[in-house]
Amino acid sequence: MVENLISKLPILEKPFENVAKEDSKNVQEVLLIALNWKTNYWIDCALKWIEQGCKIDSSILKVVRKIAKRENLPQSTKHRAVAVISKWEKEKFKYIDVLWQSGSDDEPFRLVSELDEERFEVRKLEFFNNNQVGYACENKKSLSVILGEIAVPSIENINSQSEFIAKEIAKVEFERLWHKHV
């Protein structure tokens, strides 16, 4: 199977748009093989496809993150990998800040969340009236805060409920709050 995919690496030399029109099979697998190559030629071809609009998933992004740190690759390749990561994260994640007038001291008054592309919570902070801040992410939590099990509605939908005031915030603002309270 892998040998068959290796034989398909030359499709990466064509513009992605042309191959996408041909509806090429195994694109993700070919990208993974190319991105794991020891030298930079196939890596650069795969990065070029991604830059040209080839959709990637988290497994490919994980490999691109490793490329950005590989010492044996040219600096230009590592810079391109960093640019791919930045673009993917900007498109993938959304950050929201929601004020909640619940009327209960047991409930948080503010919810700040990082959402994935399907609007599921990845990380969350909950602010309480007693000055405590709870958090949750995939592998840790505090104050019994948990990540939601359903997708978070749109800002417009949240704001249509009178007890909520929601807005989108920048990643840097979320990160500042996360590092301050976690």
Protein backbone atom coordinates (compact mmCIF):
# COMPACT_ATOMS: atom_id res chain seq x y z
CA MET A 1 0.00 0.00 0.00
CA VAL A 2 2.74 2.48 1.01
CA GLU A 3 4.77 1.62 -2.11
CA ASN A 4 1.69 2.34 -4.22
CA LEU A 5 1.28 5.74 -2.54
CA ILE A 6 5.00 6.53 -2.93
CA SER A 7 4.58 5.97 -6.66
CA LYS A 8 1.92 8.72 -6.59
CA LEU A 9 4.26 11.37 -5.12
CA PRO A 10 4.90 12.91 -8.58
CA ILE A 11 1.29 14.19 -8.64
CA LEU A 12 2.53 16.75 -6.08
CA GLU A 13 4.57 18.33 -8.88
CA LYS A 14 1.33 19.36 -10.60
CA PRO A 15 -0.68 22.36 -9.39
CA PHE A 16 -3.19 21.22 -6.77
CA GLU A 17 -6.04 22.79 -8.73
CA ASN A 18 -5.38 20.43 -11.66
CA VAL A 19 -5.28 17.34 -9.47
CA ALA A 20 -8.35 18.43 -7.50
CA LYS A 21 -10.28 18.65 -10.79
CA GLU A 22 -9.18 15.09 -11.59
CA ASP A 23 -10.57 14.11 -8.16
CA SER A 24 -7.39 12.27 -7.23
CA LYS A 25 -7.77 9.56 -4.60
CA ASN A 26 -5.50 9.20 -1.57
CA VAL A 27 -4.53 12.89 -1.49
CA GLN A 28 -4.24 13.00 2.31
CA GLU A 29 -2.15 9.83 2.40
CA VAL A 30 0.19 11.10 -0.32
CA LEU A 31 0.56 14.39 1.57
CA LEU A 32 1.48 12.50 4.75
CA ILE A 33 4.12 10.44 2.95
CA ALA A 34 5.59 13.56 1.33
CA LEU A 35 5.57 15.55 4.58
CA ASN A 36 7.40 12.72 6.36
CA TRP A 37 10.11 12.52 3.68
CA LYS A 38 13.69 12.84 4.92
CA THR A 39 14.69 15.54 2.44
CA ASN A 40 12.87 18.74 1.61
CA TYR A 41 11.86 18.25 -2.05
CA TRP A 42 8.62 16.31 -1.44
CA ILE A 43 7.97 18.28 1.74
CA ASP A 44 8.13 21.52 -0.26
CA CYS A 45 5.82 20.07 -2.92
CA ALA A 46 3.29 19.06 -0.25
CA LEU A 47 3.50 22.47 1.44
CA LYS A 48 2.91 24.10 -1.94
CA TRP A 49 -0.29 22.08 -2.36
CA ILE A 50 -1.48 23.16 1.07
CA GLU A 51 -0.69 26.77 0.21
CA GLN A 52 -2.69 26.32 -3.01
CA GLY A 53 -5.78 25.29 -1.05
CA CYS A 54 -5.52 21.58 -0.36
CA LYS A 55 -7.55 20.97 2.80
CA ILE A 56 -5.69 19.40 5.69
CA ASP A 57 -6.76 17.76 8.90
CA SER A 58 -5.22 17.62 12.36
CA SER A 59 -3.07 14.56 11.53
CA ILE A 60 -1.39 16.46 8.70
CA LEU A 61 -1.07 19.57 10.83
CA LYS A 62 0.73 17.49 13.47
CA VAL A 63 3.36 16.52 10.89
CA VAL A 64 3.63 20.13 9.64
CA ARG A 65 4.34 21.19 13.25
CA LYS A 66 7.24 18.72 13.33
CA ILE A 67 8.56 20.07 10.03
CA ALA A 68 8.67 23.57 11.51
CA LYS A 69 11.10 22.24 14.15
CA ARG A 70 13.26 19.86 12.08
CA GLU A 71 16.85 21.00 12.15
CA ASN A 72 17.89 19.25 8.92
CA LEU A 73 15.49 21.26 6.73
CA PRO A 74 16.15 24.62 5.06
CA GLN A 75 14.92 27.65 6.96
CA SER A 76 12.62 28.56 4.06
CA THR A 77 10.82 25.19 4.38
CA LYS A 78 10.42 25.64 8.13
CA HIS A 79 9.07 29.18 7.62
CA ARG A 80 6.52 27.88 5.12
CA ALA A 81 5.45 25.23 7.64
CA VAL A 82 4.95 27.91 10.31
CA ALA A 83 2.87 29.96 7.86
CA VAL A 84 0.67 26.92 7.10
CA ILE A 85 0.16 26.31 10.83
CA SER A 86 -0.75 29.95 11.47
CA LYS A 87 -3.22 30.06 8.59
CA TRP A 88 -4.83 26.76 9.59
CA GLU A 89 -5.21 27.82 13.22
CA LYS A 90 -6.66 31.18 12.23
CA GLU A 91 -9.23 29.50 10.00
CA LYS A 92 -9.91 26.63 12.35
CA PHE A 93 -10.36 28.18 15.77
CA LYS A 94 -12.81 30.80 16.95
CA TYR A 95 -12.75 32.49 20.34
CA ILE A 96 -15.85 33.73 22.13
CA ASP A 97 -16.52 35.71 25.29
CA VAL A 98 -20.02 35.36 26.74
CA LEU A 99 -21.51 37.29 29.65
CA TRP A 100 -24.27 35.29 31.34
CA GLN A 101 -26.86 36.89 33.57
CA SER A 102 -27.98 33.62 35.13
CA GLY A 103 -29.26 35.11 38.38
CA SER A 104 -27.47 32.36 40.34
CA ASP A 105 -24.28 32.69 42.39
CA ASP A 106 -23.53 29.02 41.67
CA GLU A 107 -23.29 29.62 37.93
CA PRO A 108 -20.49 31.48 36.14
CA PHE A 109 -21.18 35.02 34.97
CA ARG A 110 -18.65 34.83 32.13
CA LEU A 111 -17.70 32.01 29.74
CA VAL A 112 -14.67 32.33 27.47
CA SER A 113 -14.13 29.50 24.99
CA GLU A 114 -11.86 28.34 22.20
CA LEU A 115 -13.97 26.57 19.55
CA ASP A 116 -12.85 24.20 16.82
CA GLU A 117 -14.07 24.38 13.21
CA GLU A 118 -17.26 22.52 14.16
CA ARG A 119 -17.78 24.91 17.11
CA PHE A 120 -17.03 22.36 19.82
CA GLU A 121 -15.19 23.69 22.85
CA VAL A 122 -11.47 22.92 22.94
CA ARG A 123 -10.63 25.04 26.00
CA LYS A 124 -12.92 26.98 28.30
CA LEU A 125 -12.68 29.42 31.20
CA GLU A 126 -15.58 30.11 33.57
CA PHE A 127 -15.56 33.20 35.81
CA PHE A 128 -17.55 33.17 39.06
CA ASN A 129 -18.81 35.96 41.33
CA ASN A 130 -16.59 34.73 44.19
CA ASN A 131 -13.51 35.63 42.05
CA GLN A 132 -12.74 32.00 41.23
CA VAL A 133 -11.94 31.03 37.67
CA GLY A 134 -12.41 27.45 36.54
CA TYR A 135 -11.09 25.92 33.34
CA ALA A 136 -11.36 22.85 31.18
CA CYS A 137 -9.47 21.40 28.24
CA GLU A 138 -8.97 17.92 26.85
CA ASN A 139 -6.69 16.64 29.62
CA LYS A 140 -7.36 18.81 32.69
CA LYS A 141 -10.00 20.81 34.48
CA SER A 142 -10.75 22.71 37.67
CA LEU A 143 -13.82 23.66 39.71
CA SER A 144 -15.88 20.95 37.98
CA VAL A 145 -15.79 22.90 34.70
CA ILE A 146 -16.26 20.62 31.69
CA LEU A 147 -16.19 21.13 27.95
CA GLY A 148 -19.58 21.22 26.29
CA GLU A 149 -20.79 18.04 24.62
CA ILE A 150 -22.64 19.82 21.82
CA ALA A 151 -21.51 22.47 19.34
CA VAL A 152 -21.73 26.05 20.58
CA PRO A 153 -24.38 28.07 18.72
CA SER A 154 -23.46 31.09 16.60
CA ILE A 155 -22.89 34.47 18.26
CA GLU A 156 -26.19 35.66 16.77
CA ASN A 157 -28.06 32.68 18.20
CA ILE A 158 -26.49 33.16 21.65
CA ASN A 159 -27.33 36.87 21.60
CA SER A 160 -30.94 36.14 20.68
CA GLN A 161 -31.37 34.90 24.28
CA SER A 162 -31.79 37.84 26.64
CA GLU A 163 -29.59 36.45 29.43
CA PHE A 164 -26.49 36.32 27.18
CA ILE A 165 -24.20 38.91 25.62
CA ALA A 166 -21.68 37.20 23.35
CA LYS A 167 -18.86 38.45 21.17
CA GLU A 168 -15.98 36.99 19.23
CA ILE A 169 -12.52 37.82 20.58
CA ALA A 170 -9.02 37.54 19.17
CA LYS A 171 -6.83 34.52 19.83
CA VAL A 172 -4.30 36.72 21.63
CA GLU A 173 -6.98 37.86 24.11
CA PHE A 174 -8.03 34.27 24.79
CA GLU A 175 -4.41 33.18 25.26
CA ARG A 176 -3.78 36.07 27.67
CA LEU A 177 -6.74 35.00 29.81
CA TRP A 178 -5.84 31.31 29.58
CA HIS A 179 -2.23 31.85 30.69
CA LYS A 180 -3.32 34.16 33.49
CA HIS A 181 -5.81 31.70 34.99
CA VAL A 182 -4.49 28.22 34.15
